[in-house]
N, C-alpha and C. Protein backbone atom coordinates (compact mmCIF):
# COMPACT_ATOMS: atom_id res chain seq x y z
N MET A 1 -29.47 165.75 -5.68
CA MET A 1 -30.88 165.25 -4.79
C MET A 1 -30.12 165.65 -3.27
N LEU A 2 -30.91 166.47 -2.40
CA LEU A 2 -30.21 166.78 -1.32
C LEU A 2 -30.73 165.00 -0.11
N ARG A 3 -29.30 165.35 0.57
CA ARG A 3 -29.81 164.48 1.28
C ARG A 3 -30.03 165.05 2.78
N ASP A 4 -30.35 164.37 3.67
CA ASP A 4 -30.99 164.31 4.90
C ASP A 4 -29.75 165.12 5.79
N GLU A 5 -28.26 164.51 5.46
CA GLU A 5 -27.35 164.62 6.46
C GLU A 5 -27.44 166.42 5.97
N GLU A 6 -27.53 166.79 4.79
CA GLU A 6 -27.25 168.36 4.51
C GLU A 6 -27.73 169.49 5.14
N PHE A 7 -28.91 168.92 5.79
CA PHE A 7 -30.00 169.45 6.61
C PHE A 7 -30.42 169.19 7.85
N PRO A 8 -29.32 169.47 8.59
CA PRO A 8 -29.27 168.49 10.11
C PRO A 8 -30.84 169.10 10.91
N MET A 9 -31.45 168.32 11.43
CA MET A 9 -32.45 168.68 12.41
C MET A 9 -32.39 168.82 13.36
N SER A 10 -32.56 170.17 14.12
CA SER A 10 -32.30 170.03 15.87
C SER A 10 -33.19 169.59 16.51
N SER A 11 -32.93 168.54 17.59
CA SER A 11 -33.97 168.41 18.34
C SER A 11 -34.17 169.00 19.44
N ASN A 12 -33.61 170.33 19.91
CA ASN A 12 -34.02 171.40 20.52
C ASN A 12 -34.49 172.12 19.79
N VAL A 13 -35.44 172.56 18.85
CA VAL A 13 -36.15 173.41 18.16
C VAL A 13 -37.53 173.31 18.49
N SER A 14 -38.27 174.34 19.14
CA SER A 14 -39.65 174.08 19.66
C SER A 14 -40.42 174.92 18.85
N ILE A 15 -41.72 174.45 18.54
CA ILE A 15 -42.55 175.22 17.86
C ILE A 15 -43.81 175.27 18.67
N ASN A 16 -43.89 176.80 18.90
CA ASN A 16 -44.49 177.41 20.08
C ASN A 16 -45.84 177.49 18.92
N PRO A 17 -46.67 177.32 19.86
CA PRO A 17 -48.30 177.83 19.23
C PRO A 17 -48.80 179.23 19.05
N PRO A 18 -49.62 179.37 18.00
CA PRO A 18 -49.67 180.82 17.86
C PRO A 18 -50.55 181.62 18.70
N GLU A 19 -50.20 182.74 18.84
CA GLU A 19 -50.54 183.83 20.52
C GLU A 19 -51.95 183.74 20.00
N PRO A 20 -52.58 183.86 20.50
CA PRO A 20 -54.25 184.21 20.38
C PRO A 20 -54.20 185.51 20.43
N VAL A 21 -55.16 185.71 19.25
CA VAL A 21 -55.77 187.29 18.70
C VAL A 21 -56.47 187.99 19.34
N TYR A 22 -56.40 189.25 19.86
CA TYR A 22 -57.90 189.52 20.42
C TYR A 22 -58.55 190.88 19.88
N GLU A 23 -59.90 190.73 19.90
CA GLU A 23 -60.21 191.42 19.06
C GLU A 23 -60.55 193.12 19.93
N ASN A 24 -60.35 194.01 19.19
CA ASN A 24 -60.16 195.59 19.92
C ASN A 24 -61.39 195.86 20.20
N ASN A 25 -62.16 196.03 20.95
CA ASN A 25 -63.47 196.21 21.33
C ASN A 25 -63.74 197.68 22.43
N ASP A 26 -64.67 198.14 21.66
CA ASP A 26 -64.84 199.72 22.30
C ASP A 26 -65.21 199.65 24.00
N LEU A 27 -66.23 198.27 23.98
CA LEU A 27 -66.73 198.09 25.26
C LEU A 27 -65.21 197.73 26.55
N ASP A 28 -64.29 197.92 26.13
CA ASP A 28 -63.41 196.79 26.63
C ASP A 28 -63.19 197.41 27.95
N ASP A 29 -63.13 199.30 28.05
CA ASP A 29 -63.42 200.05 29.57
C ASP A 29 -64.18 199.81 30.33
N VAL A 30 -65.40 199.80 29.45
CA VAL A 30 -66.80 199.28 30.50
C VAL A 30 -66.30 198.10 31.43
N PHE A 31 -66.23 197.32 30.26
CA PHE A 31 -66.40 195.42 30.47
C PHE A 31 -65.19 195.22 31.19
N GLY A 32 -64.19 195.54 30.76
CA GLY A 32 -62.68 194.79 31.36
C GLY A 32 -61.68 194.64 29.68
N SER A 33 -60.68 194.84 29.76
CA SER A 33 -60.05 194.51 28.89
C SER A 33 -59.97 192.83 28.59
N ALA A 34 -59.40 192.49 27.12
CA ALA A 34 -59.15 191.34 26.89
C ALA A 34 -57.61 191.00 27.27
N PRO A 35 -57.52 189.92 27.76
CA PRO A 35 -57.97 188.75 28.03
C PRO A 35 -58.88 188.56 28.86
N GLY A 36 -60.30 188.18 28.74
CA GLY A 36 -61.29 187.93 29.94
C GLY A 36 -60.53 186.79 30.86
N SER A 37 -60.77 187.52 31.72
CA SER A 37 -60.72 186.39 33.04
C SER A 37 -61.02 184.96 32.80
N PRO A 38 -60.51 184.26 33.34
CA PRO A 38 -60.85 182.46 32.54
C PRO A 38 -62.10 181.94 34.12
N THR A 39 -62.95 181.22 33.71
CA THR A 39 -63.87 180.70 33.87
C THR A 39 -64.01 179.40 34.25
N PHE A 40 -64.31 178.84 35.22
CA PHE A 40 -64.47 177.16 35.08
C PHE A 40 -65.74 176.69 35.74
N GLY A 41 -66.61 177.51 34.91
CA GLY A 41 -68.01 177.22 35.13
C GLY A 41 -69.15 177.11 36.18
N GLY A 42 -68.13 178.65 36.81
CA GLY A 42 -69.02 179.33 37.97
C GLY A 42 -70.13 179.70 37.66
N GLU A 43 -70.22 180.13 36.02
CA GLU A 43 -71.74 180.71 35.87
C GLU A 43 -72.80 179.33 36.06
N GLN A 44 -72.39 178.36 35.41
CA GLN A 44 -73.20 177.07 35.72
C GLN A 44 -73.55 176.44 36.88
N GLU A 45 -72.70 176.35 37.51
CA GLU A 45 -72.86 176.34 39.47
C GLU A 45 -73.87 177.54 39.80
N THR A 46 -73.19 179.01 39.48
CA THR A 46 -74.29 179.72 40.33
C THR A 46 -75.79 179.48 39.84
N VAL A 47 -76.23 179.13 38.69
CA VAL A 47 -77.30 178.80 37.87
C VAL A 47 -78.10 177.95 38.68
N SER A 48 -77.34 176.49 38.28
CA SER A 48 -77.85 175.27 39.36
C SER A 48 -78.07 175.60 40.68
N ASP A 49 -77.63 176.53 41.41
CA ASP A 49 -77.98 176.86 42.75
C ASP A 49 -78.99 177.61 43.35
N ILE A 50 -79.46 178.04 42.35
CA ILE A 50 -80.67 179.07 42.63
C ILE A 50 -82.45 178.10 43.13
N PRO A 51 -81.98 177.16 42.09
CA PRO A 51 -83.49 176.33 42.36
C PRO A 51 -83.38 176.21 43.75
N ARG A 52 -82.18 175.33 44.38
CA ARG A 52 -81.96 174.47 45.49
C ARG A 52 -81.66 176.08 46.69
N LEU A 53 -81.07 176.78 46.06
CA LEU A 53 -81.55 178.21 47.60
C LEU A 53 -82.75 178.57 47.64
N LYS A 54 -83.56 178.60 46.14
CA LYS A 54 -85.24 178.77 45.90
C LYS A 54 -86.06 177.85 47.21
N GLU A 55 -85.69 176.63 47.24
CA GLU A 55 -86.68 175.63 47.78
C GLU A 55 -85.74 176.17 49.40
N LYS A 56 -84.63 176.23 49.36
CA LYS A 56 -84.28 176.08 50.64
C LYS A 56 -84.99 177.24 51.24
N HIS A 57 -85.21 178.30 51.01
CA HIS A 57 -86.17 179.67 51.57
C HIS A 57 -87.55 179.47 51.48
N GLU A 58 -87.57 178.75 50.52
CA GLU A 58 -89.33 178.34 50.87
C GLU A 58 -89.56 177.08 51.84
N THR A 59 -88.89 176.43 52.07
CA THR A 59 -88.82 175.63 53.35
C THR A 59 -88.18 175.85 54.60
N ASP A 60 -87.62 177.19 54.87
CA ASP A 60 -87.82 177.79 55.96
C ASP A 60 -88.96 178.83 55.99
N GLY A 61 -89.18 179.74 55.09
CA GLY A 61 -90.55 180.19 55.21
C GLY A 61 -91.70 179.54 55.96
N TYR A 62 -91.71 178.32 55.09
CA TYR A 62 -93.28 177.25 56.13
C TYR A 62 -92.70 177.12 57.03
N ARG A 63 -91.29 176.48 57.66
CA ARG A 63 -91.10 176.46 58.74
C ARG A 63 -91.52 177.53 59.71
N VAL A 64 -91.04 178.60 59.54
CA VAL A 64 -91.11 179.64 60.46
C VAL A 64 -92.45 179.94 60.49
N GLY A 65 -93.23 179.87 59.38
CA GLY A 65 -95.08 180.01 59.50
C GLY A 65 -95.82 179.28 59.83
N VAL A 66 -95.24 177.66 60.25
CA VAL A 66 -96.22 176.97 60.79
C VAL A 66 -95.69 177.06 62.65
N THR A 67 -94.36 177.36 62.73
CA THR A 67 -93.90 177.48 64.26
C THR A 67 -94.89 178.81 64.60
N GLN A 68 -94.59 179.79 63.83
CA GLN A 68 -95.70 181.02 64.11
C GLN A 68 -97.71 180.27 64.84
N GLY A 69 -97.68 179.52 63.48
CA GLY A 69 -99.16 179.29 63.62
C GLY A 69 -99.38 178.50 65.23
N LYS A 70 -98.28 177.58 64.86
CA LYS A 70 -98.57 176.80 66.16
C LYS A 70 -98.37 177.71 67.66
N ALA A 71 -97.90 178.80 67.64
CA ALA A 71 -97.29 179.44 68.59
C ALA A 71 -99.28 180.62 69.00
N GLN A 72 -99.49 180.66 68.01
CA GLN A 72 -100.79 181.75 67.98
C GLN A 72 -101.71 180.59 68.39
N SER A 73 -101.87 179.85 67.93
CA SER A 73 -103.07 178.67 68.22
C SER A 73 -102.86 178.08 69.85
N VAL A 74 -101.71 177.99 69.94
CA VAL A 74 -101.31 177.55 71.22
C VAL A 74 -101.77 178.50 72.34
N GLN A 75 -101.68 179.84 71.99
CA GLN A 75 -101.30 180.92 72.92
C GLN A 75 -103.26 180.67 73.03
N LYS A 76 -104.03 181.21 72.48
CA LYS A 76 -105.24 180.85 71.80
C LYS A 76 -106.04 179.90 72.59
N GLY A 77 -105.84 179.12 72.12
CA GLY A 77 -105.99 177.56 73.22
C GLY A 77 -105.31 178.34 74.78
N PHE A 78 -104.23 178.56 75.16
CA PHE A 78 -104.25 178.37 76.50
C PHE A 78 -104.94 179.68 76.84
N ASP A 79 -105.35 180.87 76.24
CA ASP A 79 -106.42 181.76 76.77
C ASP A 79 -107.83 181.15 77.33
N GLU A 80 -107.56 180.56 76.33
CA GLU A 80 -109.03 180.30 76.73
C GLU A 80 -109.49 178.53 77.28
N GLY A 81 -108.58 178.04 77.36
CA GLY A 81 -108.63 176.52 78.45
C GLY A 81 -107.93 177.26 80.16
N TYR A 82 -107.04 178.11 80.04
CA TYR A 82 -107.09 178.76 81.42
C TYR A 82 -108.16 179.19 81.96
N GLY A 83 -109.38 179.91 81.48
CA GLY A 83 -110.53 180.63 82.64
C GLY A 83 -111.21 179.13 82.81
N LEU A 84 -111.49 178.06 81.34
CA LEU A 84 -112.14 177.45 81.72
C LEU A 84 -111.72 176.22 82.75
N GLY A 85 -110.47 175.99 82.62
CA GLY A 85 -109.35 175.21 83.79
C GLY A 85 -109.74 175.91 85.34
N ALA A 86 -109.56 177.32 84.83
CA ALA A 86 -109.81 178.53 86.39
C ALA A 86 -111.35 177.78 87.22
N VAL A 87 -111.88 177.37 86.10
CA VAL A 87 -113.56 177.48 87.03
C VAL A 87 -113.92 176.01 87.38
N LEU A 88 -113.17 175.13 86.42
CA LEU A 88 -113.76 173.79 86.71
C LEU A 88 -112.78 173.71 88.51
N GLY A 89 -111.27 173.94 88.74
CA GLY A 89 -110.57 174.02 89.43
C GLY A 89 -111.18 174.38 90.60
N LEU A 90 -111.80 175.99 91.08
CA LEU A 90 -112.42 176.48 91.77
C LEU A 90 -113.57 175.25 92.08
N GLU A 91 -114.34 174.72 91.30
CA GLU A 91 -115.48 174.02 91.54
C GLU A 91 -115.12 172.84 92.24
N ILE A 92 -114.22 171.99 92.07
CA ILE A 92 -113.60 170.90 92.74
C ILE A 92 -113.30 171.29 93.87
N GLY A 93 -111.94 172.33 93.96
CA GLY A 93 -111.70 172.53 95.19
C GLY A 93 -112.94 173.15 96.00
N ARG A 94 -113.65 173.41 95.57
CA ARG A 94 -114.80 174.13 96.89
C ARG A 94 -115.85 172.23 97.59
N MET A 95 -115.73 171.38 96.66
CA MET A 95 -116.45 170.13 96.89
C MET A 95 -115.26 169.40 97.74
N ILE A 96 -113.96 169.41 97.00
CA ILE A 96 -112.80 169.04 98.15
C ILE A 96 -113.03 169.53 99.50
N GLY A 97 -113.09 170.89 99.76
CA GLY A 97 -112.90 171.65 100.90
C GLY A 97 -114.22 171.16 101.53
N ILE A 98 -115.34 171.06 101.09
CA ILE A 98 -116.53 170.75 101.99
C ILE A 98 -116.36 169.34 102.48
N LEU A 99 -115.77 167.99 101.74
CA LEU A 99 -115.23 167.15 102.44
C LEU A 99 -114.41 166.85 103.47
N GLU A 100 -113.62 167.98 103.24
CA GLU A 100 -112.48 168.28 104.08
C GLU A 100 -112.69 168.59 105.69
N GLY A 101 -114.20 169.42 104.98
CA GLY A 101 -114.21 170.37 106.49
C GLY A 101 -115.34 169.24 107.17
N LEU A 102 -115.75 168.27 106.46
CA LEU A 102 -117.24 167.08 107.64
C LEU A 102 -116.29 166.42 108.13
N LEU A 103 -114.86 165.73 107.39
CA LEU A 103 -114.25 164.70 108.01
C LEU A 103 -113.30 165.65 109.09
N GLY A 104 -113.22 166.84 108.91
CA GLY A 104 -112.29 167.44 110.44
C GLY A 104 -113.44 167.45 111.58
N ALA A 105 -114.59 167.47 111.32
CA ALA A 105 -115.66 167.97 112.03
C ALA A 105 -116.28 166.83 113.00
N VAL A 106 -116.46 165.66 112.12
CA VAL A 106 -116.55 164.10 112.30
C VAL A 106 -115.37 163.50 113.33
N THR A 107 -114.37 164.05 112.89
CA THR A 107 -112.69 163.55 113.58
C THR A 107 -112.97 164.05 114.95
N ALA A 108 -113.54 165.37 115.46
CA ALA A 108 -113.25 166.29 116.41
C ALA A 108 -114.02 165.65 117.41
N ALA A 109 -115.33 165.23 116.78
CA ALA A 109 -116.40 164.76 117.32
C ALA A 109 -116.71 163.21 118.28
N ALA A 110 -115.82 162.33 117.29
CA ALA A 110 -115.37 161.31 117.26
C ALA A 110 -114.24 161.50 118.52
N SER A 111 -113.40 162.10 118.70
CA SER A 111 -112.71 161.96 119.75
C SER A 111 -113.19 162.16 121.03
N LYS A 112 -114.45 162.85 121.16
CA LYS A 112 -115.18 162.69 122.38
C LYS A 112 -115.84 161.86 122.82
N ASP A 113 -116.37 161.49 121.28
CA ASP A 113 -117.79 160.21 121.76
C ASP A 113 -117.08 159.19 120.40
N ALA A 114 -115.74 158.17 120.62
CA ALA A 114 -115.16 157.42 119.91
C ALA A 114 -116.92 156.53 119.04
N ASP A 115 -117.55 155.81 120.17
CA ASP A 115 -118.34 154.76 120.05
C ASP A 115 -119.46 155.08 118.64
N MET A 116 -119.78 156.60 118.79
CA MET A 116 -121.04 157.34 118.08
C MET A 116 -120.38 158.08 116.58
N TRP A 117 -119.51 158.28 116.48
CA TRP A 117 -118.85 158.83 115.14
C TRP A 117 -117.54 157.89 114.54
N SER A 118 -116.89 156.88 115.24
CA SER A 118 -116.19 156.33 114.40
C SER A 118 -116.79 155.72 113.27
N GLU A 119 -117.40 155.06 112.96
CA GLU A 119 -118.33 154.98 111.49
C GLU A 119 -118.68 156.11 110.83
N GLU A 120 -118.53 156.97 111.23
CA GLU A 120 -119.45 158.31 110.23
C GLU A 120 -117.75 158.52 110.33
N VAL A 121 -116.57 158.32 110.57
CA VAL A 121 -115.45 158.98 110.40
C VAL A 121 -114.48 158.08 109.02
N ARG A 122 -114.87 156.60 109.06
CA ARG A 122 -114.49 155.99 108.10
C ARG A 122 -115.42 155.96 106.85
N ARG A 123 -116.31 156.95 106.99
CA ARG A 123 -117.33 156.75 105.89
C ARG A 123 -117.00 158.18 105.02
N MET A 124 -116.26 159.12 106.15
CA MET A 124 -116.01 160.36 105.45
C MET A 124 -114.75 160.41 104.99
N GLU A 125 -113.48 159.57 105.77
CA GLU A 125 -112.29 159.10 105.28
C GLU A 125 -112.50 158.89 103.67
N ASP A 126 -113.54 157.72 103.59
CA ASP A 126 -113.43 156.66 102.53
C ASP A 126 -113.90 157.99 101.08
N LEU A 127 -115.14 158.58 101.46
CA LEU A 127 -115.26 159.65 100.55
C LEU A 127 -114.61 160.48 100.07
N LEU A 128 -113.87 161.42 100.70
CA LEU A 128 -112.85 162.15 100.55
C LEU A 128 -111.67 161.48 99.71
N ARG A 129 -111.58 160.08 100.06
CA ARG A 129 -110.30 159.63 98.95
C ARG A 129 -110.78 159.52 97.73
N ARG A 130 -111.96 158.63 97.92
CA ARG A 130 -112.65 159.12 96.39
C ARG A 130 -112.88 159.65 95.88
N ALA A 131 -113.15 160.85 96.07
CA ALA A 131 -113.45 162.20 95.34
C ALA A 131 -112.03 162.70 95.04
N LYS A 132 -110.55 162.69 95.73
CA LYS A 132 -109.79 163.06 95.52
C LYS A 132 -109.46 162.37 94.29
N GLU A 133 -109.38 161.00 94.33
CA GLU A 133 -108.76 160.34 92.97
C GLU A 133 -109.58 160.22 91.95
N GLU A 134 -111.17 160.52 91.97
CA GLU A 134 -111.94 160.40 90.87
C GLU A 134 -111.77 161.96 90.08
N LEU A 135 -111.53 163.31 90.87
CA LEU A 135 -111.12 164.42 90.41
C LEU A 135 -110.11 164.79 90.12
N LYS A 136 -108.51 163.64 90.23
CA LYS A 136 -107.73 164.19 89.63
C LYS A 136 -107.63 165.17 88.49
N THR A 137 -106.61 165.65 88.26
CA THR A 137 -106.23 166.13 86.45
C THR A 137 -106.93 165.80 85.57
N GLU A 138 -105.52 164.69 85.77
CA GLU A 138 -105.33 163.51 84.36
C GLU A 138 -107.03 163.21 84.20
N LYS A 139 -107.74 162.96 85.40
CA LYS A 139 -108.99 162.29 84.90
C LYS A 139 -110.27 163.56 84.49
N VAL A 140 -110.23 164.55 85.09
CA VAL A 140 -110.85 165.50 84.72
C VAL A 140 -110.86 166.07 83.22
N PHE A 141 -109.38 166.15 82.84
CA PHE A 141 -109.08 166.33 81.40
C PHE A 141 -108.72 165.02 80.79
N GLY A 142 -109.49 163.79 81.17
CA GLY A 142 -109.80 162.52 80.04
C GLY A 142 -109.74 162.94 78.74
N ARG A 143 -109.19 162.33 77.82
CA ARG A 143 -109.67 162.01 76.59
C ARG A 143 -111.00 161.65 76.60
N GLU A 144 -111.27 161.12 77.38
CA GLU A 144 -113.08 160.93 77.32
C GLU A 144 -114.55 161.91 77.28
N TRP A 145 -113.68 162.95 77.78
CA TRP A 145 -114.05 163.65 78.03
C TRP A 145 -113.98 165.05 77.21
N TRP A 146 -112.65 165.19 76.36
CA TRP A 146 -112.40 166.38 75.62
C TRP A 146 -111.85 166.01 74.32
N GLY A 147 -112.01 166.53 72.99
CA GLY A 147 -111.37 166.51 71.91
C GLY A 147 -109.55 166.88 71.61
N GLU A 148 -109.19 166.56 70.71
CA GLU A 148 -107.58 166.73 70.92
C GLU A 148 -107.92 168.82 70.53
N ASP A 149 -109.08 169.15 69.88
CA ASP A 149 -109.17 170.82 69.91
C ASP A 149 -109.80 171.47 71.19
N GLY A 150 -109.53 170.69 71.90
CA GLY A 150 -110.04 171.29 73.55
C GLY A 150 -111.62 171.10 73.82
N ILE A 151 -112.32 170.79 72.81
CA ILE A 151 -113.51 170.88 73.04
C ILE A 151 -114.45 169.81 73.60
N TRP A 152 -115.46 170.13 74.38
CA TRP A 152 -115.92 168.95 75.65
C TRP A 152 -116.77 168.08 74.38
N LYS A 153 -116.89 166.99 74.69
CA LYS A 153 -117.37 165.93 74.31
C LYS A 153 -118.95 165.97 75.14
N PHE A 154 -118.96 165.69 75.82
CA PHE A 154 -120.32 166.41 76.86
C PHE A 154 -121.14 166.52 76.74
N GLU A 155 -122.41 166.65 76.55
CA GLU A 155 -123.67 167.56 76.68
C GLU A 155 -123.54 168.80 77.29
N VAL A 156 -123.79 169.82 76.85
CA VAL A 156 -124.02 171.59 78.03
C VAL A 156 -125.06 172.02 77.75
N PRO A 157 -126.39 172.54 78.78
CA PRO A 157 -127.48 172.14 78.04
C PRO A 157 -127.37 174.19 77.98
N GLY A 158 -128.35 174.67 77.39
CA GLY A 158 -128.54 175.73 77.10
C GLY A 158 -127.83 176.28 75.44
N GLU A 159 -127.89 177.26 75.58
CA GLU A 159 -127.75 178.13 74.34
C GLU A 159 -126.88 178.93 74.64
N ASP A 160 -126.41 180.35 75.80
CA ASP A 160 -125.58 180.94 75.84
C ASP A 160 -124.63 180.46 76.85
N VAL A 161 -123.80 179.57 76.54
CA VAL A 161 -123.03 178.85 77.33
C VAL A 161 -121.80 179.85 77.73
N VAL A 162 -121.85 179.24 79.06
CA VAL A 162 -119.95 180.29 79.73
C VAL A 162 -119.35 179.05 80.50
N PHE A 163 -118.41 179.15 80.90
CA PHE A 163 -117.48 178.61 81.78
C PHE A 163 -118.35 177.60 82.91
N PRO A 164 -118.71 178.66 83.39
CA PRO A 164 -119.33 177.49 84.59
C PRO A 164 -120.54 176.71 84.43
N ASP A 165 -121.28 176.96 83.42
CA ASP A 165 -122.30 175.91 82.43
C ASP A 165 -121.44 174.54 82.22
N VAL A 166 -120.27 174.78 81.40
CA VAL A 166 -119.32 173.71 81.27
C VAL A 166 -118.69 172.82 81.93
N ALA A 167 -118.55 173.61 82.96
CA ALA A 167 -117.70 173.34 84.21
C ALA A 167 -119.08 172.00 85.31
N ALA A 168 -119.86 172.62 85.21
CA ALA A 168 -121.23 172.03 85.95
C ALA A 168 -121.41 170.69 84.89
N ALA A 169 -121.44 170.79 83.72
CA ALA A 169 -121.85 169.82 83.18
C ALA A 169 -120.93 168.63 82.86
N HIS A 170 -119.79 168.87 83.33
CA HIS A 170 -118.75 167.92 83.40
C HIS A 170 -119.19 166.64 84.20
N PRO A 171 -119.30 165.73 83.41
CA PRO A 171 -119.71 164.40 84.21
C PRO A 171 -119.24 164.25 85.52
N LEU A 172 -117.86 164.13 85.40
CA LEU A 172 -117.50 163.65 86.70
C LEU A 172 -117.64 164.93 87.87
N VAL A 173 -117.57 166.16 87.60
CA VAL A 173 -118.11 167.16 88.63
C VAL A 173 -119.67 167.26 88.67
N LYS A 174 -120.01 167.25 87.91
CA LYS A 174 -121.50 166.54 88.10
C LYS A 174 -122.08 165.39 89.06
N GLN A 175 -121.37 164.40 88.74
CA GLN A 175 -122.11 163.17 89.51
C GLN A 175 -121.11 163.91 91.29
N TRP A 176 -120.15 164.43 91.45
CA TRP A 176 -119.68 164.73 92.76
C TRP A 176 -120.39 165.80 93.24
N GLY A 177 -120.53 166.53 92.57
CA GLY A 177 -121.77 167.88 93.35
C GLY A 177 -123.28 167.25 93.85
N GLU A 178 -123.61 166.09 92.88
CA GLU A 178 -124.72 165.45 93.26
C GLU A 178 -124.19 164.85 95.05
N ILE A 179 -123.18 164.51 94.73
CA ILE A 179 -122.57 163.74 96.71
C ILE A 179 -122.31 164.73 97.82
N VAL A 180 -122.22 165.52 97.04
CA VAL A 180 -121.73 166.74 98.00
C VAL A 180 -122.80 167.42 98.55
N GLN A 181 -123.60 167.71 97.66
CA GLN A 181 -124.96 168.29 98.01
C GLN A 181 -125.88 167.38 98.71
N ARG A 182 -125.81 166.08 98.53
CA ARG A 182 -126.09 165.33 99.68
C ARG A 182 -125.94 165.46 100.92
N GLU A 183 -124.38 165.29 101.12
CA GLU A 183 -123.80 165.68 102.22
C GLU A 183 -124.17 167.02 103.13
N ILE A 184 -124.47 168.16 102.56
CA ILE A 184 -124.59 169.37 102.68
C ILE A 184 -126.42 169.27 103.17
N GLU A 185 -126.81 168.60 102.68
CA GLU A 185 -128.42 168.58 103.35
C GLU A 185 -128.97 167.85 104.43
N LYS A 186 -128.03 166.54 104.24
CA LYS A 186 -127.39 165.51 105.20
C LYS A 186 -126.88 166.56 106.75
N TRP A 187 -126.28 167.23 106.53
CA TRP A 187 -125.59 167.85 107.91
C TRP A 187 -126.28 169.31 108.11
N THR A 188 -127.28 169.68 107.56
CA THR A 188 -128.03 170.63 107.57
C THR A 188 -126.68 172.24 107.46
N LEU A 189 -125.85 172.09 106.42
CA LEU A 189 -124.50 173.34 106.11
C LEU A 189 -125.45 174.34 105.57
N ASP A 190 -125.28 175.86 106.08
CA ASP A 190 -125.60 176.68 105.84
C ASP A 190 -124.15 177.25 104.59
N MET A 191 -124.56 177.43 103.42
CA MET A 191 -123.16 177.27 102.50
C MET A 191 -123.12 179.29 102.51
N LYS A 192 -124.68 179.77 102.83
CA LYS A 192 -123.91 181.40 102.73
C LYS A 192 -123.42 181.45 103.76
N LEU A 193 -123.30 181.10 104.88
CA LEU A 193 -122.35 181.24 105.88
C LEU A 193 -120.91 181.09 105.91
N MET A 194 -120.86 179.47 105.44
CA MET A 194 -119.41 179.33 104.84
C MET A 194 -118.88 180.28 103.89
N GLU A 195 -119.53 181.04 102.58
CA GLU A 195 -119.39 181.62 101.77
C GLU A 195 -118.87 183.30 102.37
N GLY A 196 -119.25 183.27 103.37
CA GLY A 196 -118.87 184.81 103.90
C GLY A 196 -120.05 185.55 104.04
N ASN A 197 -120.93 185.13 103.80
CA ASN A 197 -122.03 185.97 103.61
C ASN A 197 -122.83 186.84 104.98
N ASP A 198 -122.38 187.98 105.50
CA ASP A 198 -122.54 188.42 106.48
C ASP A 198 -123.85 188.73 107.17
N ASP A 199 -125.21 188.38 105.85
CA ASP A 199 -126.56 188.19 106.58
C ASP A 199 -126.86 186.66 107.18
N ALA A 200 -126.08 185.88 106.86
CA ALA A 200 -126.44 184.69 107.38
C ALA A 200 -126.77 184.96 108.84
N ASP A 201 -127.43 183.68 109.19
CA ASP A 201 -127.64 183.40 110.80
C ASP A 201 -126.44 183.04 111.53
N PRO A 202 -126.00 184.08 112.53
CA PRO A 202 -125.00 183.29 113.16
C PRO A 202 -124.75 181.97 113.71
N ASP A 203 -126.05 181.62 113.68
CA ASP A 203 -126.32 180.51 114.96
C ASP A 203 -126.47 178.85 113.88
N ALA A 204 -126.28 179.21 112.42
CA ALA A 204 -126.58 178.29 111.90
C ALA A 204 -125.32 177.69 111.16
N GLY A 205 -123.99 177.84 112.32
CA GLY A 205 -122.98 177.30 112.07
C GLY A 205 -122.82 175.92 112.37
N SER A 206 -123.76 175.44 113.29
CA SER A 206 -123.81 174.19 114.24
C SER A 206 -124.17 173.16 113.22
N VAL A 207 -123.60 172.64 112.95
CA VAL A 207 -124.18 171.11 111.83
C VAL A 207 -124.86 170.41 112.62
N ARG A 208 -126.12 169.67 112.03
CA ARG A 208 -126.92 169.12 112.33
C ARG A 208 -126.81 167.61 111.44
N PRO A 209 -126.51 166.93 111.63
CA PRO A 209 -127.13 165.38 110.65
C PRO A 209 -128.26 165.19 110.85
N ALA A 210 -129.16 164.82 109.74
CA ALA A 210 -130.19 163.83 109.62
C ALA A 210 -130.76 163.00 110.84
N ALA A 211 -129.60 162.49 111.30
CA ALA A 211 -130.22 161.00 112.06
C ALA A 211 -129.78 162.04 113.32
N PRO A 212 -130.24 161.16 114.52
CA PRO A 212 -129.94 161.59 115.90
C PRO A 212 -128.87 161.62 116.49
N LYS A 213 -127.72 162.62 116.15
CA LYS A 213 -126.28 162.26 116.53
C LYS A 213 -126.03 163.59 117.23
N ALA A 214 -125.36 163.28 117.95
CA ALA A 214 -124.58 164.78 118.51
C ALA A 214 -124.27 165.90 117.59
N ASP A 215 -124.42 167.28 118.12
CA ASP A 215 -123.76 167.89 117.09
C ASP A 215 -122.58 168.32 116.91
N LEU A 216 -121.73 168.71 115.81
CA LEU A 216 -120.45 168.86 115.17
C LEU A 216 -120.32 170.38 115.21
N ASN A 217 -118.93 170.39 116.08
CA ASN A 217 -118.03 171.60 116.85
C ASN A 217 -117.61 171.74 115.76
N TRP A 218 -117.89 173.01 115.26
CA TRP A 218 -116.78 173.70 113.88
C TRP A 218 -115.83 174.52 114.19
């Protein structure tokens, strides 16, 4: 019977694992010969990235679409609003200009006869101050008159409405238009002459109030 001492085992002997056997494949020349490159789950990561990239692409496209849509809507609203705003501005400027002209005339008259014209100067100063305050841009375009879409909330008479119709129907413009018209009638202003109509009577430039007061010199 053999004893273990007769066949000593070396502690330095190592057992190597069997070498992998590679199958010879005719397609190796096309797709690469064995052994293939090791993979560390890259394919799974690529596949998992596809939904995320798709979602990001759709989100970016949505943002671009919204931005372009807003720009087009803003431009369209600006184009329309610019025309209406210009008409409103011209009408308000005309009314303010008339009141300023009347104030200048009565002030000049008061410099010659303060007793007769001082009260009228104070009245015109107050009227002009109120007009400038109530016809401010933020009040004319206040939310009580305009919707968020830029459409007016007040009633505009007529069917084929144009910008001058909308401007004339604005409650503040309409109110002050009536006030200014009363001043025009009171001082018998010839608006055709003031607008530069060459056919107007040149003698109509002097302003005469309905009350018996001295003529104003323009």
